[in-house]
C-alpha atoms as a PDB file:
ATOM      1  CA  MET A   1     179.907 -54.221-144.060  1.00  0.00           C
ATOM      2  CA  PHE A   2     176.165 -54.871-144.010  1.00  0.00           C
ATOM      3  CA  PHE A   3     175.259 -52.440-146.785  1.00  0.00           C
ATOM      4  CA  PRO A   4     177.985 -53.562-149.235  1.00  0.00           C
ATOM      5  CA  ALA A   5     176.961 -57.178-148.590  1.00  0.00           C
ATOM      6  CA  LEU A   6     173.317 -56.280-149.184  1.00  0.00           C
ATOM      7  CA  LEU A   7     174.309 -54.607-152.444  1.00  0.00           C
ATOM      8  CA  LEU A   8     176.402 -57.616-153.477  1.00  0.00           C
ATOM      9  CA  GLY A   9     173.421 -59.902-152.880  1.00  0.00           C
ATOM     10  CA  LEU A  10     171.117 -57.573-154.798  1.00  0.00           C
ATOM     11  CA  THR A  11     173.608 -57.245-157.643  1.00  0.00           C
ATOM     12  CA  GLY A  12     174.051 -60.975-157.966  1.00  0.00           C
ATOM     13  CA  SER A  13     170.415 -61.917-157.393  1.00  0.00           C
ATOM     14  CA  LEU A  14     169.844 -62.387-161.124  1.00  0.00           C
ATOM     15  CA  HIS A  15     172.100 -65.381-160.683  1.00  0.00           C
ATOM     16  CA  CYS A  16     169.933 -66.592-157.773  1.00  0.00           C
ATOM     17  CA  VAL A  17     166.793 -66.294-159.881  1.00  0.00           C
ATOM     18  CA  GLY A  18     168.337 -68.330-162.661  1.00  0.00           C
ATOM     19  CA  MET A  19     169.712 -71.043-160.380  1.00  0.00           C
ATOM     20  CA  CYS A  20     167.290 -71.248-157.455  1.00  0.00           C
ATOM     21  CA  ALA A  21     163.958 -69.851-158.616  1.00  0.00           C
ATOM     22  CA  PRO A  22     162.964 -72.885-160.753  1.00  0.00           C
ATOM     23  CA  LEU A  23     163.390 -75.096-157.702  1.00  0.00           C
ATOM     24  CA  THR A  24     161.433 -72.648-155.569  1.00  0.00           C
ATOM     25  CA  PHE A  25     158.619 -72.468-158.137  1.00  0.00           C
ATOM     26  CA  ALA A  26     158.263 -76.245-157.971  1.00  0.00           C
ATOM     27  CA  PHE A  27     157.554 -76.566-154.243  1.00  0.00           C
ATOM     28  CA  MET A  28     155.649 -73.278-153.898  1.00  0.00           C
ATOM     29  CA  GLN A  29     152.581 -74.671-155.611  1.00  0.00           C
ATOM     30  CA  GLY A  30     149.477 -75.332-153.534  1.00  0.00           C
ATOM     31  CA  GLU A  31     148.556 -74.140-150.051  1.00  0.00           C
ATOM     32  CA  LYS A  32     150.556 -72.336-147.368  1.00  0.00           C
ATOM     33  CA  PHE A  33     152.666 -70.509-149.946  1.00  0.00           C
ATOM     34  CA  ALA A  34     153.817 -67.754-147.566  1.00  0.00           C
ATOM     35  CA  GLN A  35     154.742 -70.163-144.765  1.00  0.00           C
ATOM     36  CA  LYS A  36     156.746 -72.395-147.087  1.00  0.00           C
ATOM     37  CA  LEU A  37     158.584 -69.410-148.510  1.00  0.00           C
ATOM     38  CA  PHE A  38     159.374 -68.006-145.050  1.00  0.00           C
ATOM     39  CA  PHE A  39     160.813 -71.220-143.631  1.00  0.00           C
ATOM     40  CA  TYR A  40     162.823 -72.010-146.760  1.00  0.00           C
ATOM     41  CA  GLN A  41     164.437 -68.574-147.001  1.00  0.00           C
ATOM     42  CA  LEU A  42     165.034 -68.471-143.235  1.00  0.00           C
ATOM     43  CA  GLY A  43     166.994 -71.718-143.458  1.00  0.00           C
ATOM     44  CA  ARG A  44     168.989 -70.562-146.461  1.00  0.00           C
ATOM     45  CA  ILE A  45     169.990 -67.225-144.901  1.00  0.00           C
ATOM     46  CA  LEU A  46     170.806 -68.878-141.564  1.00  0.00           C
ATOM     47  CA  THR A  47     173.272 -71.166-143.323  1.00  0.00           C
ATOM     48  CA  TYR A  48     174.878 -68.160-144.995  1.00  0.00           C
ATOM     49  CA  THR A  49     175.161 -66.438-141.612  1.00  0.00           C
ATOM     50  CA  LEU A  50     176.822 -69.451-139.981  1.00  0.00           C
ATOM     51  CA  LEU A  51     179.248 -69.779-142.884  1.00  0.00           C
ATOM     52  CA  GLY A  52     180.043 -66.085-142.494  1.00  0.00           C
ATOM     53  CA  VAL A  53     180.788 -66.565-138.789  1.00  0.00           C
ATOM     54  CA  GLY A  54     183.141 -69.412-139.661  1.00  0.00           C
ATOM     55  CA  VAL A  55     185.114 -67.672-142.401  1.00  0.00           C
ATOM     56  CA  GLY A  56     185.115 -64.425-140.401  1.00  0.00           C
ATOM     57  CA  PHE A  57     186.871 -66.338-137.638  1.00  0.00           C
ATOM     58  CA  ILE A  58     189.422 -67.516-140.199  1.00  0.00           C
ATOM     59  CA  GLY A  59     189.916 -63.917-141.298  1.00  0.00           C
ATOM     60  CA  GLN A  60     190.434 -62.895-137.688  1.00  0.00           C
ATOM     61  CA  ALA A  61     193.028 -65.642-137.205  1.00  0.00           C
ATOM     62  CA  LEU A  62     194.870 -64.478-140.326  1.00  0.00           C
ATOM     63  CA  PHE A  63     194.619 -60.802-139.404  1.00  0.00           C
ATOM     64  CA  PHE A  64     198.295 -60.265-138.635  1.00  0.00           C
ATOM     65  CA  SER A  65     199.499 -61.785-141.915  1.00  0.00           C
ATOM     66  CA  ASN A  66     197.448 -59.402-144.098  1.00  0.00           C
ATOM     67  CA  TRP A  67     195.364 -62.202-145.599  1.00  0.00           C
ATOM     68  CA  GLN A  68     192.328 -59.962-145.212  1.00  0.00           C
ATOM     69  CA  SER A  69     193.891 -57.660-147.782  1.00  0.00           C
ATOM     70  CA  TYR A  70     194.476 -60.539-150.171  1.00  0.00           C
ATOM     71  CA  ALA A  71     190.863 -61.681-149.778  1.00  0.00           C
ATOM     72  CA  ALA A  72     189.597 -58.186-150.561  1.00  0.00           C
ATOM     73  CA  PHE A  73     191.938 -57.899-153.563  1.00  0.00           C
ATOM     74  CA  LEU A  74     190.849 -61.308-154.870  1.00  0.00           C
ATOM     75  CA  LEU A  75     187.155 -60.561-154.434  1.00  0.00           C
ATOM     76  CA  GLY A  76     187.458 -57.117-156.004  1.00  0.00           C
ATOM     77  CA  GLY A  77     189.498 -58.318-158.939  1.00  0.00           C
ATOM     78  CA  THR A  78     187.205 -61.268-159.617  1.00  0.00           C
ATOM     79  CA  LEU A  79     184.105 -59.066-159.521  1.00  0.00           C
ATOM     80  CA  VAL A  80     185.658 -56.628-161.980  1.00  0.00           C
ATOM     81  CA  LEU A  81     186.597 -59.469-164.336  1.00  0.00           C
ATOM     82  CA  ALA A  82     183.116 -60.961-163.979  1.00  0.00           C
ATOM     83  CA  GLY A  83     181.638 -57.608-164.958  1.00  0.00           C
ATOM     84  CA  LEU A  84     183.995 -57.055-167.870  1.00  0.00           C
ATOM     85  CA  PHE A  85     183.785 -60.515-169.382  1.00  0.00           C
ATOM     86  CA  SER A  86     180.479 -61.769-167.962  1.00  0.00           C
ATOM     87  CA  PHE A  87     181.971 -65.187-167.288  1.00  0.00           C
ATOM     88  CA  ASN A  88     179.972 -67.882-165.520  1.00  0.00           C
ATOM     89  CA  LEU A  89     181.728 -68.601-162.228  1.00  0.00           C
ATOM     90  CA  ASP A  90     179.494 -71.601-161.580  1.00  0.00           C
ATOM     91  CA  ARG A  91     180.754 -73.223-164.755  1.00  0.00           C
ATOM     92  CA  ILE A  92     184.285 -72.825-163.392  1.00  0.00           C
ATOM     93  CA  THR A  93     183.555 -74.063-159.884  1.00  0.00           C
ATOM     94  CA  ASN A  94     181.665 -77.066-161.256  1.00  0.00           C
ATOM     95  CA  GLN A  95     184.948 -78.334-162.658  1.00  0.00           C
ATOM     96  CA  PHE A  96     186.086 -79.242-159.128  1.00  0.00           C
ATOM     97  CA  SER A  97     185.308 -82.827-158.181  1.00  0.00           C
ATOM     98  CA  ILE A  98     184.848 -82.036-154.492  1.00  0.00           C
ATOM     99  CA  LEU A  99     182.097 -79.518-155.300  1.00  0.00           C
ATOM    100  CA  LYS A 100     180.341 -82.014-157.555  1.00  0.00           C
ATOM    101  CA  TRP A 101     180.526 -84.551-154.730  1.00  0.00           C
ATOM    102  CA  ILE A 102     179.031 -82.063-152.235  1.00  0.00           C
ATOM    103  CA  SER A 103     176.165 -81.306-154.624  1.00  0.00           C
ATOM    104  CA  GLN A 104     175.475 -85.002-155.192  1.00  0.00           C
ATOM    105  CA  LYS A 105     175.294 -85.621-151.434  1.00  0.00           C
ATOM    106  CA  ILE A 106     173.156 -82.604-150.530  1.00  0.00           C
ATOM    107  CA  THR A 107     170.581 -82.733-153.344  1.00  0.00           C
ATOM    108  CA  PRO A 108     168.966 -86.066-152.300  1.00  0.00           C
ATOM    109  CA  LEU A 109     168.761 -84.842-148.696  1.00  0.00           C
ATOM    110  CA  MET A 110     166.986 -81.685-149.836  1.00  0.00           C
ATOM    111  CA  GLY A 111     164.501 -83.815-151.751  1.00  0.00           C
ATOM    112  CA  LYS A 112     163.344 -85.398-148.488  1.00  0.00           C
ATOM    113  CA  PHE A 113     162.149 -82.023-147.203  1.00  0.00           C
ATOM    114  CA  LEU A 114     161.220 -80.015-150.295  1.00  0.00           C
ATOM    115  CA  PHE A 115     157.818 -81.495-151.027  1.00  0.00           C
ATOM    116  CA  ASP A 116     156.679 -82.233-147.494  1.00  0.00           C
ATOM    117  CA  ASN A 117     153.219 -80.875-146.670  1.00  0.00           C
ATOM    118  CA  LYS A 118     154.481 -79.384-143.412  1.00  0.00           C
ATOM    119  CA  PRO A 119     155.868 -75.889-144.121  1.00  0.00           C
ATOM    120  CA  TYR A 120     158.453 -76.022-141.321  1.00  0.00           C
ATOM    121  CA  LYS A 121     160.188 -78.916-143.098  1.00  0.00           C
ATOM    122  CA  LEU A 122     161.189 -76.382-145.758  1.00  0.00           C
ATOM    123  CA  PHE A 123     163.459 -74.814-143.130  1.00  0.00           C
ATOM    124  CA  PHE A 124     165.740 -77.854-143.342  1.00  0.00           C
ATOM    125  CA  ALA A 125     165.645 -77.754-147.140  1.00  0.00           C
ATOM    126  CA  GLY A 126     166.732 -74.109-146.949  1.00  0.00           C
ATOM    127  CA  LEU A 127     169.589 -74.969-144.608  1.00  0.00           C
ATOM    128  CA  LEU A 128     170.851 -77.530-147.108  1.00  0.00           C
ATOM    129  CA  ASN A 129     170.335 -75.176-150.040  1.00  0.00           C
ATOM    130  CA  GLY A 130     172.776 -72.753-148.450  1.00  0.00           C
ATOM    131  CA  LEU A 131     175.457 -75.459-148.620  1.00  0.00           C
ATOM    132  CA  LEU A 132     175.079 -76.172-152.340  1.00  0.00           C
ATOM    133  CA  PRO A 133     178.117 -75.112-154.400  1.00  0.00           C
ATOM    134  CA  CYS A 134     177.518 -71.616-155.755  1.00  0.00           C
ATOM    135  CA  GLY A 135     179.994 -69.193-157.295  1.00  0.00           C
ATOM    136  CA  LEU A 136     178.121 -66.139-156.020  1.00  0.00           C
ATOM    137  CA  VAL A 137     178.180 -67.442-152.437  1.00  0.00           C
ATOM    138  CA  TYR A 138     181.934 -67.957-152.744  1.00  0.00           C
ATOM    139  CA  PHE A 139     182.232 -64.325-153.811  1.00  0.00           C
ATOM    140  CA  ALA A 140     180.401 -63.319-150.662  1.00  0.00           C
ATOM    141  CA  LEU A 141     182.455 -65.591-148.403  1.00  0.00           C
ATOM    142  CA  LEU A 142     185.622 -63.878-149.606  1.00  0.00           C
ATOM    143  CA  GLY A 143     184.045 -60.616-148.496  1.00  0.00           C
ATOM    144  CA  ALA A 144     183.224 -62.169-145.121  1.00  0.00           C
ATOM    145  CA  VAL A 145     186.865 -63.247-144.706  1.00  0.00           C
ATOM    146  CA  ALA A 146     187.921 -59.655-145.365  1.00  0.00           C
ATOM    147  CA  THR A 147     185.765 -58.371-142.479  1.00  0.00           C
ATOM    148  CA  GLY A 148     188.225 -59.906-140.049  1.00  0.00           C
ATOM    149  CA  THR A 149     185.860 -60.981-137.240  1.00  0.00           C
ATOM    150  CA  SER A 150     183.304 -63.726-136.699  1.00  0.00           C
ATOM    151  CA  LEU A 151     180.587 -61.225-135.821  1.00  0.00           C
ATOM    152  CA  GLU A 152     181.098 -59.058-138.885  1.00  0.00           C
ATOM    153  CA  GLY A 153     181.520 -62.114-141.087  1.00  0.00           C
ATOM    154  CA  GLY A 154     178.106 -63.314-139.923  1.00  0.00           C
ATOM    155  CA  ILE A 155     176.586 -59.863-140.432  1.00  0.00           C
ATOM    156  CA  PHE A 156     178.108 -59.673-143.913  1.00  0.00           C
ATOM    157  CA  MET A 157     176.618 -62.989-145.005  1.00  0.00           C
ATOM    158  CA  THR A 158     173.251 -62.127-143.452  1.00  0.00           C
ATOM    159  CA  GLY A 159     173.227 -58.922-145.479  1.00  0.00           C
ATOM    160  CA  PHE A 160     174.192 -60.865-148.585  1.00  0.00           C
ATOM    161  CA  GLY A 161     171.359 -63.356-148.068  1.00  0.00           C
ATOM    162  CA  LEU A 162     168.805 -60.605-147.510  1.00  0.00           C
ATOM    163  CA  GLY A 163     170.077 -58.832-150.621  1.00  0.00           C
ATOM    164  CA  THR A 164     169.215 -61.832-152.771  1.00  0.00           C
ATOM    165  CA  LEU A 165     165.572 -61.765-151.664  1.00  0.00           C
ATOM    166  CA  PRO A 166     163.985 -58.791-153.509  1.00  0.00           C
ATOM    167  CA  LEU A 167     164.490 -60.027-157.058  1.00  0.00           C
ATOM    168  CA  LEU A 168     163.852 -63.647-156.101  1.00  0.00           C
ATOM    169  CA  LEU A 169     160.566 -62.742-154.408  1.00  0.00           C
ATOM    170  CA  THR A 170     159.623 -60.498-157.330  1.00  0.00           C
ATOM    171  CA  SER A 171     160.152 -63.352-159.760  1.00  0.00           C
ATOM    172  CA  LEU A 172     157.981 -65.623-157.610  1.00  0.00           C
ATOM    173  CA  PHE A 173     155.212 -63.023-157.443  1.00  0.00           C
ATOM    174  CA  VAL A 174     155.305 -62.393-161.173  1.00  0.00           C
ATOM    175  CA  SER A 175     155.266 -66.081-162.006  1.00  0.00           C
ATOM    176  CA  LYS A 176     152.415 -66.752-159.605  1.00  0.00           C
ATOM    177  CA  ASN A 177     150.189 -63.761-160.368  1.00  0.00           C
ATOM    178  CA  VAL A 178     150.915 -62.470-163.871  1.00  0.00           C
ATOM    179  CA  SER A 179     149.369 -64.126-166.896  1.00  0.00           C
ATOM    180  CA  LYS A 180     151.683 -66.433-168.805  1.00  0.00           C
ATOM    181  CA  LYS A 181     150.714 -64.529-171.928  1.00  0.00           C
ATOM    182  CA  ILE A 182     152.607 -61.543-170.606  1.00  0.00           C
ATOM    183  CA  ASN A 183     156.310 -62.211-170.593  1.00  0.00           C
ATOM    184  CA  THR A 184     156.852 -59.651-167.833  1.00  0.00           C
ATOM    185  CA  LYS A 185     159.487 -61.626-166.016  1.00  0.00           C
ATOM    186  CA  ASN A 186     161.719 -61.938-169.057  1.00  0.00           C
ATOM    187  CA  ILE A 187     161.297 -58.229-169.846  1.00  0.00           C
ATOM    188  CA  ILE A 188     162.355 -57.277-166.317  1.00  0.00           C
ATOM    189  CA  PHE A 189     165.365 -59.595-166.343  1.00  0.00           C
ATOM    190  CA  GLN A 190     166.534 -58.409-169.753  1.00  0.00           C
ATOM    191  CA  LYS A 191     166.522 -54.822-168.499  1.00  0.00           C
ATOM    192  CA  LEU A 192     168.359 -55.738-165.320  1.00  0.00           C
ATOM    193  CA  LYS A 193     171.003 -57.667-167.244  1.00  0.00           C
ATOM    194  CA  LEU A 194     172.028 -54.392-168.876  1.00  0.00           C
ATOM    195  CA  ILE A 195     173.228 -52.978-165.530  1.00  0.00           C
ATOM    196  CA  TYR A 196     174.445 -56.304-164.121  1.00  0.00           C
ATOM    197  CA  PRO A 197     178.071 -56.033-165.419  1.00  0.00           C
ATOM    198  CA  TYR A 198     178.421 -52.388-164.341  1.00  0.00           C
ATOM    199  CA  ALA A 199     177.198 -53.158-160.835  1.00  0.00           C
ATOM    200  CA  PHE A 200     179.737 -55.970-160.524  1.00  0.00           C
ATOM    201  CA  ILE A 201     182.544 -53.676-161.694  1.00  0.00           C
ATOM    202  CA  ILE A 202     181.565 -50.977-159.173  1.00  0.00           C
ATOM    203  CA  MET A 203     181.421 -53.527-156.366  1.00  0.00           C
ATOM    204  CA  GLY A 204     184.772 -54.945-157.441  1.00  0.00           C
ATOM    205  CA  ILE A 205     186.430 -51.526-157.347  1.00  0.00           C
ATOM    206  CA  TRP A 206     184.945 -50.924-153.890  1.00  0.00           C
ATOM    207  CA  PHE A 207     186.340 -54.179-152.482  1.00  0.00           C
ATOM    208  CA  PHE A 208     189.695 -53.546-154.154  1.00  0.00           C
ATOM    209  CA  GLY A 209     189.755 -50.184-152.394  1.00  0.00           C
ATOM    210  CA  MET A 210     189.064 -51.922-149.086  1.00  0.00           C
ATOM    211  CA  GLY A 211     192.022 -54.172-149.796  1.00  0.00           C
ATOM    212  CA  ILE A 212     194.270 -51.149-150.298  1.00  0.00           C
ATOM    213  CA  ILE A 213     193.049 -49.618-147.028  1.00  0.00           C
ATOM    214  CA  SER A 214     193.638 -52.913-145.234  1.00  0.00           C
ATOM    215  CA  TRP A 215     197.131 -53.192-146.680  1.00  0.00           C
ATOM    216  CA  GLU A 216     198.071 -49.665-145.622  1.00  0.00           C
ATOM    217  CA  THR A 217     196.533 -49.711-142.148  1.00  0.00           C
ATOM    218  CA  GLY A 218     196.737 -53.400-141.269  1.00  0.00           C
ATOM    219  CA  ALA A 219     192.978 -53.606-140.673  1.00  0.00           C
ATOM    220  CA  VAL A 220     189.866 -53.342-142.768  1.00  0.00           C
ATOM    221  CA  ASP A 221     187.824 -50.375-141.595  1.00  0.00           C
ATOM    222  CA  CYS A 222     184.539 -50.976-143.413  1.00  0.00           C
ATOM    223  CA  HIS A 223     182.231 -48.783-141.344  1.00  0.00           C
END
């Protein structure tokens, strides 16, 4: 499941750039840029991995009741709909009071670490960032449930986290090194947005297929 998770992260990384990059730009100013970036992303991906282990365990516990199939169906169907209608899942998830409450509690804690001069403090900010409500992360966690084991759930979410890095790092590099007179970043993103819906549809069909396999065999064989 590592490669599909990597592709899901890469596909959805436009979302990460829009939501997370402005925050990253803010604390990446000044010295020790590379160290800050490393610790922050390490913390974020570690949180994703631990969440994957947890939901993978849930998937394993629900193995005999075919809930893995339902998770794969739900993820696949939602991805296809997201591609077809380009709806904003975050706008939907933000309607839930519990998620608003989580965001309100985590954000001040992140603020204590974000602008510390010691790069390793960004590790803790990254850990907290991984807990912020995010529709794309919920997509990925459904995929981790469908893996059916704690180990593969963790691997899935690690792959997802790594998949979000290329475009995020590219946007940081462009913003830091390319003249503001050249709107390169916007040009790149506009081009990528053209393939964004199609990639989501393809990924959705793939996960839906995994759901069918799981339903017929009683186990998700994703290797």
